[in-house]
């Protein structure tokens, strides 16, 4: 069963310097029908103006993943984690017992467009941690590249949950396939372009919850980029 969450149905926050699209309830956007999917709690697609950003604030007991689509995102946190995230890089921050962090546009002239993702941890109260890694875009072209996984499988960033995140960049007509183990579910988020997921069309900004399917066949209807979550 595939349940599509259309881009236009997402919550939208416009704050002058920030435009944010919320797939699930977040901050001032609340919809009891869209509180997350399995352990996936937040998918925010944000665009931040040049020289602006989020000041120091605290999170706890959450696995937070950031993926930049365009521009540069500067990060600093109380674990000592610090860096500028650019296209091709992925960041994972385990908030655990508590982390204070800030995120700003790393450019004074160009906006930054990125996804921030929250996944519920498998265990509360872990020691906070931070990782950032480049995954060359060529490793995602025409295939699903594992970006985040428990045990840092296949060179992915480690996550403290039985969840995997893949990325793929597809030319028009290209197909990728993914098998789902029994009782597992998946979420597909279209970052750009348009794809068919087991015959159902998803456009840029759309997401889809997948339940009771043994496999996924994802074909690009146009040049596209997707994120695929494999969830317990």
N, C-alpha and C. Protein backbone atom coordinates (compact mmCIF):
# COMPACT_ATOMS: atom_id res chain seq x y z
N UNK A 1 0.85 -1.20 0.00
CA UNK A 1 0.00 0.00 0.00
C UNK A 1 0.88 1.25 0.00
N UNK A 2 0.57 2.17 -0.87
CA UNK A 2 1.32 3.41 -0.98
C UNK A 2 0.37 4.58 -0.71
N UNK A 3 0.72 5.39 0.27
CA UNK A 3 -0.09 6.56 0.63
C UNK A 3 0.73 7.81 0.34
N UNK A 4 0.24 8.63 -0.58
CA UNK A 4 1.02 9.78 -1.05
C UNK A 4 0.69 11.02 -0.22
N UNK A 5 1.74 11.73 0.16
CA UNK A 5 1.64 13.02 0.85
C UNK A 5 2.08 14.08 -0.15
N UNK A 6 1.12 14.82 -0.72
CA UNK A 6 1.42 15.77 -1.78
C UNK A 6 2.16 16.98 -1.24
N UNK A 7 3.03 17.51 -2.07
CA UNK A 7 3.83 18.67 -1.68
C UNK A 7 2.96 19.83 -1.21
N UNK A 8 1.88 20.10 -1.94
CA UNK A 8 1.04 21.25 -1.61
C UNK A 8 0.27 21.07 -0.31
N UNK A 9 0.20 19.84 0.19
CA UNK A 9 -0.51 19.57 1.44
C UNK A 9 0.38 19.75 2.66
N UNK A 10 1.69 19.92 2.44
CA UNK A 10 2.59 20.09 3.58
C UNK A 10 2.31 21.41 4.29
N UNK A 11 2.67 21.44 5.58
CA UNK A 11 2.62 22.71 6.29
C UNK A 11 3.71 23.63 5.78
N UNK A 12 3.43 24.93 5.74
CA UNK A 12 4.41 25.89 5.25
C UNK A 12 4.57 27.03 6.25
N UNK A 13 5.82 27.31 6.57
CA UNK A 13 6.13 28.46 7.42
C UNK A 13 6.95 29.46 6.63
N UNK A 14 6.51 30.71 6.61
CA UNK A 14 7.25 31.79 5.92
C UNK A 14 7.58 32.86 6.96
N UNK A 15 8.88 33.06 7.16
CA UNK A 15 9.33 33.95 8.23
C UNK A 15 10.27 35.03 7.70
N UNK A 16 10.05 35.44 6.46
CA UNK A 16 10.92 36.45 5.87
C UNK A 16 12.22 35.83 5.39
N UNK A 17 13.12 35.55 6.32
CA UNK A 17 14.43 34.99 5.98
C UNK A 17 14.39 33.47 5.81
N UNK A 18 13.28 32.84 6.21
CA UNK A 18 13.15 31.38 6.18
C UNK A 18 11.84 30.97 5.55
N UNK A 19 11.92 30.02 4.60
CA UNK A 19 10.73 29.33 4.11
C UNK A 19 10.92 27.85 4.42
N UNK A 20 9.92 27.26 5.10
CA UNK A 20 10.04 25.88 5.54
C UNK A 20 8.77 25.11 5.17
N UNK A 21 8.97 23.94 4.57
CA UNK A 21 7.86 23.06 4.23
C UNK A 21 7.95 21.82 5.14
N UNK A 22 6.87 21.57 5.88
CA UNK A 22 6.86 20.51 6.89
C UNK A 22 6.02 19.33 6.40
N UNK A 23 6.67 18.19 6.14
CA UNK A 23 5.93 16.98 5.77
C UNK A 23 5.09 16.49 6.93
N UNK A 24 5.64 16.62 8.14
CA UNK A 24 4.95 16.20 9.37
C UNK A 24 4.83 17.39 10.32
N UNK A 25 3.96 17.26 11.31
CA UNK A 25 3.75 18.33 12.28
C UNK A 25 5.07 18.78 12.88
N UNK A 26 5.23 20.11 12.96
CA UNK A 26 6.47 20.69 13.46
C UNK A 26 6.23 22.14 13.83
N UNK A 27 6.78 22.54 14.99
CA UNK A 27 6.68 23.94 15.45
C UNK A 27 5.23 24.40 15.44
N UNK A 28 4.92 25.47 14.72
CA UNK A 28 3.56 26.01 14.73
C UNK A 28 2.60 25.27 13.81
N UNK A 29 3.13 24.32 13.02
CA UNK A 29 2.26 23.53 12.15
C UNK A 29 1.90 22.23 12.87
N UNK A 30 0.60 22.00 13.03
CA UNK A 30 0.14 20.79 13.71
C UNK A 30 -1.00 20.17 12.93
N UNK A 31 -0.87 18.88 12.66
CA UNK A 31 -1.92 18.10 12.02
C UNK A 31 -1.86 16.71 12.63
N UNK A 32 -2.86 16.35 13.41
CA UNK A 32 -2.83 15.08 14.13
C UNK A 32 -2.76 13.88 13.19
N UNK A 33 -3.12 14.07 11.90
CA UNK A 33 -3.04 12.98 10.94
C UNK A 33 -1.63 12.80 10.37
N UNK A 34 -0.76 13.77 10.64
CA UNK A 34 0.60 13.73 10.07
C UNK A 34 1.60 14.07 11.17
N UNK A 35 1.83 13.08 12.03
CA UNK A 35 2.75 13.24 13.16
C UNK A 35 4.08 12.52 12.92
N UNK A 36 4.22 11.91 11.76
CA UNK A 36 5.41 11.13 11.44
C UNK A 36 5.01 9.81 10.82
N UNK A 37 6.03 9.01 10.51
CA UNK A 37 5.78 7.68 9.94
C UNK A 37 6.79 6.72 10.56
N UNK A 38 6.26 5.76 11.33
CA UNK A 38 7.12 4.85 12.08
C UNK A 38 8.10 5.68 12.92
N UNK A 39 9.41 5.45 12.80
CA UNK A 39 10.37 6.21 13.61
C UNK A 39 10.80 7.52 12.94
N UNK A 40 10.28 7.78 11.75
CA UNK A 40 10.57 9.03 11.05
C UNK A 40 9.64 10.12 11.57
N UNK A 41 10.20 11.14 12.21
CA UNK A 41 9.37 12.14 12.89
C UNK A 41 9.28 13.46 12.15
N UNK A 42 10.34 13.88 11.48
CA UNK A 42 10.36 15.20 10.83
C UNK A 42 11.05 15.10 9.48
N UNK A 43 10.44 15.70 8.45
CA UNK A 43 11.13 16.04 7.20
C UNK A 43 10.80 17.50 6.91
N UNK A 44 11.75 18.37 7.14
CA UNK A 44 11.59 19.79 6.84
C UNK A 44 12.45 20.14 5.64
N UNK A 45 11.85 20.79 4.65
CA UNK A 45 12.60 21.31 3.51
C UNK A 45 12.70 22.82 3.69
N UNK A 46 13.90 23.31 3.97
CA UNK A 46 14.11 24.70 4.36
C UNK A 46 14.93 25.46 3.34
N UNK A 47 14.60 26.73 3.16
CA UNK A 47 15.43 27.66 2.41
C UNK A 47 15.69 28.87 3.29
N UNK A 48 16.97 29.17 3.52
CA UNK A 48 17.38 30.26 4.41
C UNK A 48 18.12 31.30 3.60
N UNK A 49 17.75 32.56 3.79
CA UNK A 49 18.39 33.66 3.07
C UNK A 49 19.86 33.80 3.46
N UNK A 50 20.61 34.45 2.60
CA UNK A 50 22.04 34.68 2.84
C UNK A 50 22.25 35.40 4.17
N UNK A 51 23.24 34.92 4.92
CA UNK A 51 23.63 35.58 6.15
C UNK A 51 22.69 35.41 7.32
N UNK A 52 21.66 34.57 7.18
CA UNK A 52 20.68 34.37 8.26
C UNK A 52 20.73 32.93 8.75
N UNK A 53 19.99 32.65 9.84
CA UNK A 53 19.99 31.29 10.34
C UNK A 53 19.33 31.14 11.68
N UNK A 54 19.49 29.95 12.24
CA UNK A 54 18.88 29.59 13.53
C UNK A 54 19.91 29.76 14.63
N UNK A 55 19.62 30.62 15.61
CA UNK A 55 20.52 30.82 16.74
C UNK A 55 20.58 29.59 17.63
N UNK A 56 21.41 29.67 18.67
CA UNK A 56 21.62 28.53 19.56
C UNK A 56 20.30 28.08 20.19
N UNK A 57 20.01 26.78 20.09
CA UNK A 57 18.82 26.19 20.68
C UNK A 57 19.12 24.74 21.02
N UNK A 58 18.29 24.14 21.85
CA UNK A 58 18.58 22.82 22.39
C UNK A 58 17.63 21.76 21.87
N UNK A 59 18.18 20.55 21.67
CA UNK A 59 17.40 19.35 21.37
C UNK A 59 17.90 18.22 22.25
N UNK A 60 17.04 17.22 22.45
CA UNK A 60 17.49 16.00 23.12
C UNK A 60 16.76 14.81 22.54
N UNK A 61 17.38 13.64 22.71
CA UNK A 61 16.77 12.35 22.34
C UNK A 61 16.18 12.36 20.93
N UNK A 62 17.03 12.72 19.98
CA UNK A 62 16.62 12.71 18.58
C UNK A 62 17.85 12.52 17.72
N UNK A 63 17.71 11.75 16.62
CA UNK A 63 18.74 11.64 15.61
C UNK A 63 18.39 12.65 14.51
N UNK A 64 19.28 13.61 14.28
CA UNK A 64 18.99 14.73 13.37
C UNK A 64 19.95 14.66 12.19
N UNK A 65 19.39 14.61 10.99
CA UNK A 65 20.17 14.48 9.76
C UNK A 65 19.92 15.70 8.89
N UNK A 66 21.00 16.29 8.35
CA UNK A 66 20.88 17.43 7.45
C UNK A 66 21.54 17.11 6.12
N UNK A 67 20.85 17.46 5.03
CA UNK A 67 21.34 17.22 3.68
C UNK A 67 21.14 18.49 2.87
N UNK A 68 22.23 19.06 2.36
CA UNK A 68 22.16 20.31 1.60
C UNK A 68 21.92 20.01 0.12
N UNK A 69 20.95 20.72 -0.45
CA UNK A 69 20.67 20.60 -1.88
C UNK A 69 21.38 21.69 -2.68
N UNK A 70 21.42 22.90 -2.13
CA UNK A 70 22.11 24.03 -2.75
C UNK A 70 22.65 24.93 -1.66
N UNK A 71 23.82 25.50 -1.88
CA UNK A 71 24.37 26.46 -0.94
C UNK A 71 25.24 25.82 0.12
N UNK A 72 25.38 26.51 1.26
CA UNK A 72 26.26 26.07 2.34
C UNK A 72 25.58 26.32 3.67
N UNK A 73 25.64 25.33 4.56
CA UNK A 73 25.01 25.40 5.87
C UNK A 73 26.09 25.28 6.94
N UNK A 74 26.26 26.32 7.75
CA UNK A 74 27.26 26.33 8.81
C UNK A 74 26.64 25.80 10.10
N UNK A 75 27.37 24.90 10.77
CA UNK A 75 26.86 24.23 11.98
C UNK A 75 27.87 24.37 13.11
N UNK A 76 27.35 24.54 14.33
CA UNK A 76 28.19 24.52 15.54
C UNK A 76 27.36 23.97 16.68
N UNK A 77 27.94 23.08 17.50
CA UNK A 77 27.17 22.53 18.62
C UNK A 77 28.04 22.32 19.85
N UNK A 78 27.37 22.01 20.94
CA UNK A 78 28.03 21.93 22.24
C UNK A 78 28.87 20.67 22.41
N UNK A 79 28.84 19.73 21.45
CA UNK A 79 29.72 18.57 21.51
C UNK A 79 31.11 18.89 20.96
N UNK A 80 31.24 20.08 20.38
CA UNK A 80 32.46 20.44 19.67
C UNK A 80 32.34 20.25 18.18
N UNK A 81 31.20 19.72 17.73
CA UNK A 81 30.96 19.55 16.31
C UNK A 81 30.84 20.90 15.62
N UNK A 82 31.55 21.06 14.52
CA UNK A 82 31.54 22.34 13.80
C UNK A 82 31.94 22.09 12.36
N UNK A 83 31.28 22.76 11.43
CA UNK A 83 31.65 22.62 10.03
C UNK A 83 30.67 23.33 9.13
N UNK A 84 30.99 23.36 7.85
CA UNK A 84 30.12 23.93 6.82
C UNK A 84 29.71 22.79 5.90
N UNK A 85 28.42 22.57 5.80
CA UNK A 85 27.85 21.48 5.03
C UNK A 85 27.51 22.00 3.63
N UNK A 86 28.01 21.30 2.61
CA UNK A 86 27.77 21.72 1.23
C UNK A 86 27.13 20.57 0.44
N UNK A 87 26.80 20.87 -0.78
CA UNK A 87 26.18 19.88 -1.65
C UNK A 87 27.02 18.61 -1.69
N UNK A 88 26.37 17.47 -1.47
CA UNK A 88 27.05 16.19 -1.47
C UNK A 88 27.37 15.69 -0.08
N UNK A 89 27.38 16.59 0.91
CA UNK A 89 27.69 16.20 2.28
C UNK A 89 26.42 15.89 3.07
N UNK A 90 26.58 15.02 4.06
CA UNK A 90 25.48 14.65 4.95
C UNK A 90 25.99 14.79 6.38
N UNK A 91 25.14 15.28 7.25
CA UNK A 91 25.49 15.48 8.66
C UNK A 91 24.51 14.71 9.53
N UNK A 92 25.05 14.08 10.59
CA UNK A 92 24.21 13.40 11.58
C UNK A 92 24.59 13.90 12.97
N UNK A 93 23.60 14.36 13.70
CA UNK A 93 23.81 14.79 15.08
C UNK A 93 22.88 13.99 15.98
N UNK A 94 23.46 13.25 16.93
CA UNK A 94 22.67 12.55 17.94
C UNK A 94 22.52 13.47 19.14
N UNK A 95 21.29 13.93 19.38
CA UNK A 95 21.07 14.89 20.46
C UNK A 95 21.19 14.23 21.83
N UNK A 96 20.76 12.97 21.95
CA UNK A 96 20.94 12.23 23.19
C UNK A 96 20.51 12.97 24.43
N UNK A 97 21.41 13.07 25.40
CA UNK A 97 21.08 13.71 26.68
C UNK A 97 20.89 15.22 26.55
N UNK A 98 21.24 15.78 25.40
CA UNK A 98 21.00 17.20 25.17
C UNK A 98 22.15 17.86 24.43
N UNK A 99 21.81 18.60 23.39
CA UNK A 99 22.79 19.33 22.58
C UNK A 99 22.26 20.73 22.33
N UNK A 100 23.13 21.72 22.49
CA UNK A 100 22.83 23.08 22.06
C UNK A 100 23.56 23.31 20.75
N UNK A 101 22.81 23.73 19.72
CA UNK A 101 23.47 23.94 18.43
C UNK A 101 22.87 25.13 17.70
N UNK A 102 23.61 25.60 16.70
CA UNK A 102 23.14 26.68 15.84
C UNK A 102 23.44 26.31 14.40
N UNK A 103 22.61 26.81 13.49
CA UNK A 103 22.79 26.57 12.06
C UNK A 103 22.53 27.86 11.31
N UNK A 104 23.48 28.24 10.46
CA UNK A 104 23.37 29.48 9.71
C UNK A 104 23.72 29.23 8.25
N UNK A 105 23.18 30.08 7.40
CA UNK A 105 23.61 30.07 6.01
C UNK A 105 25.10 30.42 6.00
N UNK A 106 25.90 29.57 5.38
CA UNK A 106 27.33 29.79 5.33
C UNK A 106 27.77 30.78 4.27
N UNK A 107 26.82 31.38 3.56
CA UNK A 107 27.12 32.36 2.51
C UNK A 107 26.47 33.70 2.84
N UNK A 108 27.14 34.77 2.52
CA UNK A 108 26.59 36.11 2.69
C UNK A 108 25.88 36.58 1.43
N UNK A 109 25.89 35.77 0.38
CA UNK A 109 25.32 36.22 -0.90
C UNK A 109 24.28 35.29 -1.49
N UNK A 110 24.29 34.00 -1.13
CA UNK A 110 23.40 33.02 -1.75
C UNK A 110 22.54 32.32 -0.70
N UNK A 111 21.30 31.95 -1.05
CA UNK A 111 20.48 31.19 -0.10
C UNK A 111 21.00 29.76 0.04
N UNK A 112 20.58 29.09 1.11
CA UNK A 112 20.88 27.67 1.28
C UNK A 112 19.56 26.91 1.35
N UNK A 113 19.50 25.82 0.60
CA UNK A 113 18.31 24.97 0.52
C UNK A 113 18.72 23.59 1.02
N UNK A 114 18.03 23.11 2.06
CA UNK A 114 18.43 21.84 2.65
C UNK A 114 17.24 21.12 3.28
N UNK A 115 17.44 19.82 3.51
CA UNK A 115 16.49 19.00 4.25
C UNK A 115 17.03 18.77 5.65
N UNK A 116 16.16 18.94 6.65
CA UNK A 116 16.49 18.49 7.99
C UNK A 116 15.50 17.41 8.38
N UNK A 117 16.05 16.29 8.86
CA UNK A 117 15.29 15.07 9.12
C UNK A 117 15.50 14.67 10.57
N UNK A 118 14.42 14.32 11.26
CA UNK A 118 14.52 13.81 12.63
C UNK A 118 14.02 12.37 12.65
N UNK A 119 14.79 11.51 13.29
CA UNK A 119 14.41 10.12 13.49
C UNK A 119 14.50 9.81 14.98
N UNK A 120 13.46 9.18 15.51
CA UNK A 120 13.45 8.83 16.93
C UNK A 120 14.56 7.82 17.21
N UNK A 121 15.32 7.98 18.29
CA UNK A 121 16.40 7.05 18.59
C UNK A 121 15.88 5.74 19.16
N UNK A 122 16.69 4.70 19.05
CA UNK A 122 16.32 3.42 19.62
C UNK A 122 16.49 3.37 21.12
N UNK A 123 17.30 4.29 21.65
CA UNK A 123 17.54 4.35 23.09
C UNK A 123 17.64 5.80 23.51
N UNK A 124 16.99 6.15 24.59
CA UNK A 124 17.05 7.52 25.10
C UNK A 124 18.28 7.70 25.99
N UNK A 125 18.72 8.94 26.09
CA UNK A 125 19.77 9.28 27.03
C UNK A 125 21.17 8.86 26.63
N UNK A 126 21.42 8.67 25.33
CA UNK A 126 22.77 8.32 24.89
C UNK A 126 23.67 9.55 24.91
N UNK A 127 24.97 9.32 24.81
CA UNK A 127 25.92 10.42 24.74
C UNK A 127 25.77 11.14 23.40
N UNK A 128 25.67 12.47 23.40
CA UNK A 128 25.53 13.19 22.14
C UNK A 128 26.73 12.97 21.21
N UNK A 129 26.49 13.08 19.91
CA UNK A 129 27.56 12.89 18.95
C UNK A 129 27.27 13.59 17.64
N UNK A 130 28.31 13.76 16.82
CA UNK A 130 28.21 14.53 15.58
C UNK A 130 29.12 13.91 14.53
N UNK A 131 28.61 13.79 13.31
CA UNK A 131 29.40 13.33 12.17
C UNK A 131 29.01 14.13 10.93
N UNK A 132 29.98 14.32 10.06
CA UNK A 132 29.73 14.96 8.77
C UNK A 132 30.61 14.27 7.73
N UNK A 133 30.02 13.95 6.57
CA UNK A 133 30.78 13.20 5.57
C UNK A 133 30.32 13.55 4.17
N UNK A 134 31.28 13.58 3.26
CA UNK A 134 30.98 13.78 1.84
C UNK A 134 30.65 12.43 1.20
N UNK A 135 29.52 12.39 0.49
CA UNK A 135 29.14 11.24 -0.33
C UNK A 135 29.08 11.75 -1.77
N UNK A 136 30.13 11.53 -2.55
CA UNK A 136 30.18 12.09 -3.90
C UNK A 136 28.90 11.81 -4.69
N UNK A 137 28.44 12.82 -5.40
CA UNK A 137 27.18 12.68 -6.13
C UNK A 137 27.24 11.55 -7.15
N UNK A 138 28.43 11.29 -7.69
CA UNK A 138 28.55 10.21 -8.67
C UNK A 138 28.21 8.86 -8.06
N UNK A 139 28.37 8.72 -6.73
CA UNK A 139 28.03 7.45 -6.07
C UNK A 139 26.51 7.26 -5.96
N UNK A 140 25.75 8.32 -6.22
CA UNK A 140 24.29 8.25 -6.13
C UNK A 140 23.63 8.22 -7.51
N UNK A 141 24.41 8.42 -8.56
CA UNK A 141 23.82 8.50 -9.90
C UNK A 141 23.43 7.11 -10.39
N UNK A 142 22.14 6.95 -10.64
CA UNK A 142 21.65 5.69 -11.16
C UNK A 142 21.58 4.56 -10.16
N UNK A 143 21.80 4.88 -8.87
CA UNK A 143 21.76 3.84 -7.85
C UNK A 143 21.38 4.44 -6.51
N UNK A 144 20.95 3.56 -5.60
CA UNK A 144 20.66 3.95 -4.23
C UNK A 144 21.95 3.85 -3.42
N UNK A 145 22.41 4.99 -2.91
CA UNK A 145 23.63 5.02 -2.09
C UNK A 145 23.21 5.14 -0.62
N UNK A 146 23.69 4.21 0.20
CA UNK A 146 23.38 4.25 1.63
C UNK A 146 24.12 5.41 2.26
N UNK A 147 23.36 6.31 2.92
CA UNK A 147 23.91 7.51 3.53
C UNK A 147 23.98 7.43 5.05
N UNK A 148 22.98 6.83 5.66
CA UNK A 148 22.88 6.73 7.11
C UNK A 148 22.38 5.33 7.45
N UNK A 149 23.03 4.67 8.43
CA UNK A 149 22.63 3.30 8.77
C UNK A 149 23.20 2.92 10.12
N UNK A 150 22.54 2.00 10.84
CA UNK A 150 23.11 1.50 12.09
C UNK A 150 24.42 0.77 11.81
N UNK A 151 25.38 0.97 12.72
CA UNK A 151 26.67 0.32 12.55
C UNK A 151 27.51 0.90 11.43
N UNK A 152 27.10 2.07 10.88
CA UNK A 152 27.85 2.73 9.81
C UNK A 152 28.09 1.79 8.63
N UNK A 153 27.08 0.98 8.32
CA UNK A 153 27.18 0.01 7.22
C UNK A 153 27.58 0.67 5.91
N UNK A 154 28.47 0.02 5.17
CA UNK A 154 28.89 0.47 3.83
C UNK A 154 29.40 1.90 3.83
N UNK A 155 30.04 2.30 4.93
CA UNK A 155 30.61 3.64 4.99
C UNK A 155 29.61 4.75 5.26
N UNK A 156 28.39 4.39 5.62
CA UNK A 156 27.37 5.39 5.93
C UNK A 156 27.64 6.05 7.28
N UNK A 157 26.99 7.17 7.53
CA UNK A 157 27.00 7.74 8.86
C UNK A 157 26.20 6.85 9.79
N UNK A 158 26.64 6.75 11.04
CA UNK A 158 25.98 5.86 11.98
C UNK A 158 24.75 6.52 12.59
N UNK A 159 23.70 5.73 12.78
CA UNK A 159 22.48 6.21 13.43
C UNK A 159 22.11 5.24 14.55
N UNK A 160 21.57 5.78 15.62
CA UNK A 160 21.21 4.97 16.78
C UNK A 160 19.73 4.57 16.68
N UNK A 161 19.42 3.89 15.61
CA UNK A 161 18.06 3.41 15.35
C UNK A 161 18.15 2.40 14.21
N UNK A 162 17.19 1.47 14.18
CA UNK A 162 17.13 0.49 13.10
C UNK A 162 16.45 1.14 11.90
N UNK A 163 17.17 2.05 11.28
CA UNK A 163 16.65 2.80 10.13
C UNK A 163 17.80 3.05 9.17
N UNK A 164 17.48 3.05 7.89
CA UNK A 164 18.48 3.33 6.86
C UNK A 164 17.94 4.44 5.94
N UNK A 165 18.86 5.31 5.53
CA UNK A 165 18.52 6.38 4.59
C UNK A 165 19.42 6.26 3.37
N UNK A 166 18.78 6.19 2.19
CA UNK A 166 19.49 6.13 0.91
C UNK A 166 19.19 7.40 0.11
N UNK A 167 20.13 7.74 -0.76
CA UNK A 167 19.91 8.80 -1.73
C UNK A 167 20.18 8.30 -3.13
N UNK A 168 19.44 8.83 -4.12
CA UNK A 168 19.66 8.45 -5.51
C UNK A 168 19.41 9.66 -6.41
N UNK A 169 20.24 9.78 -7.44
CA UNK A 169 20.08 10.80 -8.48
C UNK A 169 19.87 10.06 -9.79
N UNK A 170 18.73 10.30 -10.42
CA UNK A 170 18.32 9.49 -11.57
C UNK A 170 18.10 10.35 -12.81
N UNK A 171 18.61 9.86 -13.94
CA UNK A 171 18.26 10.45 -15.22
C UNK A 171 16.87 9.95 -15.62
N UNK A 172 16.23 10.69 -16.52
CA UNK A 172 14.92 10.28 -17.01
C UNK A 172 14.98 8.85 -17.54
N UNK A 173 14.06 8.02 -17.07
CA UNK A 173 13.97 6.64 -17.52
C UNK A 173 14.76 5.65 -16.68
N UNK A 174 15.66 6.12 -15.83
CA UNK A 174 16.42 5.20 -14.99
C UNK A 174 15.55 4.63 -13.88
N UNK A 175 15.84 3.40 -13.48
CA UNK A 175 15.08 2.70 -12.45
C UNK A 175 16.02 2.18 -11.37
N UNK A 176 15.59 2.32 -10.11
CA UNK A 176 16.28 1.65 -9.00
C UNK A 176 15.25 0.79 -8.28
N UNK A 177 15.74 -0.28 -7.66
CA UNK A 177 14.85 -1.21 -6.96
C UNK A 177 15.38 -1.42 -5.54
N UNK A 178 14.44 -1.62 -4.63
CA UNK A 178 14.81 -1.84 -3.23
C UNK A 178 13.87 -2.87 -2.62
N UNK A 179 14.44 -3.91 -2.03
CA UNK A 179 13.65 -4.95 -1.37
C UNK A 179 13.39 -4.56 0.08
N UNK A 180 12.18 -4.82 0.55
CA UNK A 180 11.80 -4.55 1.93
C UNK A 180 11.60 -5.87 2.65
N UNK A 181 12.26 -6.00 3.80
CA UNK A 181 12.09 -7.21 4.61
C UNK A 181 10.67 -7.23 5.20
N UNK A 182 10.18 -8.42 5.57
CA UNK A 182 8.84 -8.50 6.17
C UNK A 182 8.68 -7.54 7.35
N UNK A 183 7.54 -6.90 7.41
CA UNK A 183 7.14 -5.97 8.47
C UNK A 183 7.88 -4.62 8.40
N UNK A 184 8.78 -4.44 7.45
CA UNK A 184 9.45 -3.14 7.29
C UNK A 184 8.57 -2.23 6.45
N UNK A 185 8.74 -0.93 6.66
CA UNK A 185 8.05 0.06 5.84
C UNK A 185 9.08 1.00 5.23
N UNK A 186 8.63 1.84 4.32
CA UNK A 186 9.53 2.78 3.66
C UNK A 186 8.83 4.11 3.46
N UNK A 187 9.65 5.14 3.38
CA UNK A 187 9.17 6.47 2.99
C UNK A 187 10.05 6.94 1.84
N UNK A 188 9.43 7.41 0.77
CA UNK A 188 10.15 8.00 -0.36
C UNK A 188 9.83 9.48 -0.39
N UNK A 189 10.88 10.32 -0.42
CA UNK A 189 10.72 11.76 -0.53
C UNK A 189 11.39 12.22 -1.81
N UNK A 190 10.63 12.95 -2.65
CA UNK A 190 11.17 13.43 -3.92
C UNK A 190 11.76 14.82 -3.71
N UNK A 191 13.08 14.91 -3.80
CA UNK A 191 13.76 16.20 -3.61
C UNK A 191 13.66 17.06 -4.85
N UNK A 192 13.67 16.44 -6.03
CA UNK A 192 13.53 17.17 -7.29
C UNK A 192 13.06 16.22 -8.37
N UNK A 193 12.44 16.78 -9.40
CA UNK A 193 11.99 15.98 -10.53
C UNK A 193 10.67 15.28 -10.28
N UNK A 194 10.52 14.09 -10.84
CA UNK A 194 9.31 13.29 -10.70
C UNK A 194 9.66 11.83 -10.91
N UNK A 195 9.04 10.96 -10.11
CA UNK A 195 9.31 9.53 -10.22
C UNK A 195 7.99 8.75 -10.13
N UNK A 196 8.04 7.52 -10.62
CA UNK A 196 6.95 6.57 -10.42
C UNK A 196 7.41 5.54 -9.41
N UNK A 197 6.66 5.37 -8.33
CA UNK A 197 6.97 4.39 -7.29
C UNK A 197 5.94 3.28 -7.37
N UNK A 198 6.36 2.11 -7.80
CA UNK A 198 5.44 0.99 -8.03
C UNK A 198 4.21 1.44 -8.83
N UNK A 199 4.50 2.29 -9.83
CA UNK A 199 3.45 2.73 -10.75
C UNK A 199 2.70 3.98 -10.35
N UNK A 200 3.01 4.55 -9.19
CA UNK A 200 2.31 5.76 -8.74
C UNK A 200 3.24 6.96 -8.85
N UNK A 201 2.74 8.05 -9.43
CA UNK A 201 3.54 9.23 -9.70
C UNK A 201 3.73 10.11 -8.47
N UNK A 202 4.98 10.48 -8.21
CA UNK A 202 5.33 11.45 -7.19
C UNK A 202 6.13 12.56 -7.84
N UNK A 203 5.77 13.80 -7.54
CA UNK A 203 6.46 14.96 -8.06
C UNK A 203 7.33 15.60 -6.98
N UNK A 204 8.10 16.60 -7.36
CA UNK A 204 9.01 17.27 -6.43
C UNK A 204 8.24 17.74 -5.19
N UNK A 205 8.76 17.43 -4.02
CA UNK A 205 8.13 17.80 -2.76
C UNK A 205 7.16 16.78 -2.23
N UNK A 206 6.73 15.84 -3.08
CA UNK A 206 5.82 14.78 -2.62
C UNK A 206 6.60 13.74 -1.82
N UNK A 207 5.88 13.09 -0.91
CA UNK A 207 6.41 11.95 -0.19
C UNK A 207 5.40 10.82 -0.23
N UNK A 208 5.85 9.62 0.12
CA UNK A 208 4.94 8.48 0.11
C UNK A 208 5.32 7.51 1.21
N UNK A 209 4.30 7.09 1.98
CA UNK A 209 4.45 6.04 2.98
C UNK A 209 4.16 4.71 2.31
N UNK A 210 5.04 3.75 2.49
CA UNK A 210 4.90 2.44 1.86
C UNK A 210 4.78 1.37 2.94
N UNK A 211 3.68 0.65 2.92
CA UNK A 211 3.42 -0.43 3.87
C UNK A 211 3.03 -1.69 3.09
N UNK A 212 3.38 -2.86 3.64
CA UNK A 212 2.96 -4.15 3.09
C UNK A 212 3.34 -4.33 1.62
N UNK A 213 4.53 -3.86 1.28
CA UNK A 213 5.09 -4.09 -0.05
C UNK A 213 6.42 -4.82 0.14
N UNK A 214 6.68 -5.81 -0.68
CA UNK A 214 7.92 -6.58 -0.54
C UNK A 214 9.09 -5.92 -1.26
N UNK A 215 8.78 -5.04 -2.23
CA UNK A 215 9.84 -4.37 -2.97
C UNK A 215 9.33 -3.07 -3.57
N UNK A 216 10.28 -2.22 -3.90
CA UNK A 216 9.96 -0.94 -4.54
C UNK A 216 10.68 -0.87 -5.88
N UNK A 217 9.98 -0.38 -6.88
CA UNK A 217 10.57 -0.08 -8.17
C UNK A 217 10.33 1.40 -8.43
N UNK A 218 11.41 2.17 -8.51
CA UNK A 218 11.32 3.62 -8.62
C UNK A 218 11.94 4.03 -9.95
N UNK A 219 11.13 4.61 -10.84
CA UNK A 219 11.56 5.00 -12.17
C UNK A 219 11.42 6.51 -12.33
N UNK A 220 12.47 7.15 -12.81
CA UNK A 220 12.45 8.60 -12.99
C UNK A 220 11.64 8.98 -14.22
N UNK A 221 10.64 9.83 -14.02
CA UNK A 221 9.87 10.37 -15.14
C UNK A 221 10.55 11.60 -15.71
N UNK A 222 11.51 12.12 -14.97
CA UNK A 222 12.32 13.27 -15.37
C UNK A 222 13.63 13.15 -14.59
N UNK A 223 14.60 14.01 -14.86
CA UNK A 223 15.80 14.02 -14.03
C UNK A 223 15.39 14.29 -12.60
N UNK A 224 15.78 13.43 -11.67
CA UNK A 224 15.20 13.45 -10.32
C UNK A 224 16.23 13.12 -9.27
N UNK A 225 15.90 13.52 -8.03
CA UNK A 225 16.67 13.13 -6.86
C UNK A 225 15.68 12.69 -5.79
N UNK A 226 15.97 11.58 -5.13
CA UNK A 226 15.08 11.05 -4.12
C UNK A 226 15.84 10.70 -2.84
N UNK A 227 15.10 10.65 -1.75
CA UNK A 227 15.56 10.08 -0.49
C UNK A 227 14.64 8.91 -0.17
N UNK A 228 15.23 7.80 0.24
CA UNK A 228 14.48 6.59 0.58
C UNK A 228 14.83 6.16 1.99
N UNK A 229 13.82 6.05 2.84
CA UNK A 229 13.97 5.59 4.21
C UNK A 229 13.44 4.17 4.34
N UNK A 230 14.24 3.27 4.89
CA UNK A 230 13.84 1.89 5.18
C UNK A 230 13.71 1.82 6.70
N UNK A 231 12.47 1.55 7.20
CA UNK A 231 12.15 1.73 8.61
C UNK A 231 11.56 0.48 9.23
N UNK A 232 11.86 0.27 10.51
CA UNK A 232 11.32 -0.88 11.22
C UNK A 232 9.85 -0.69 11.53
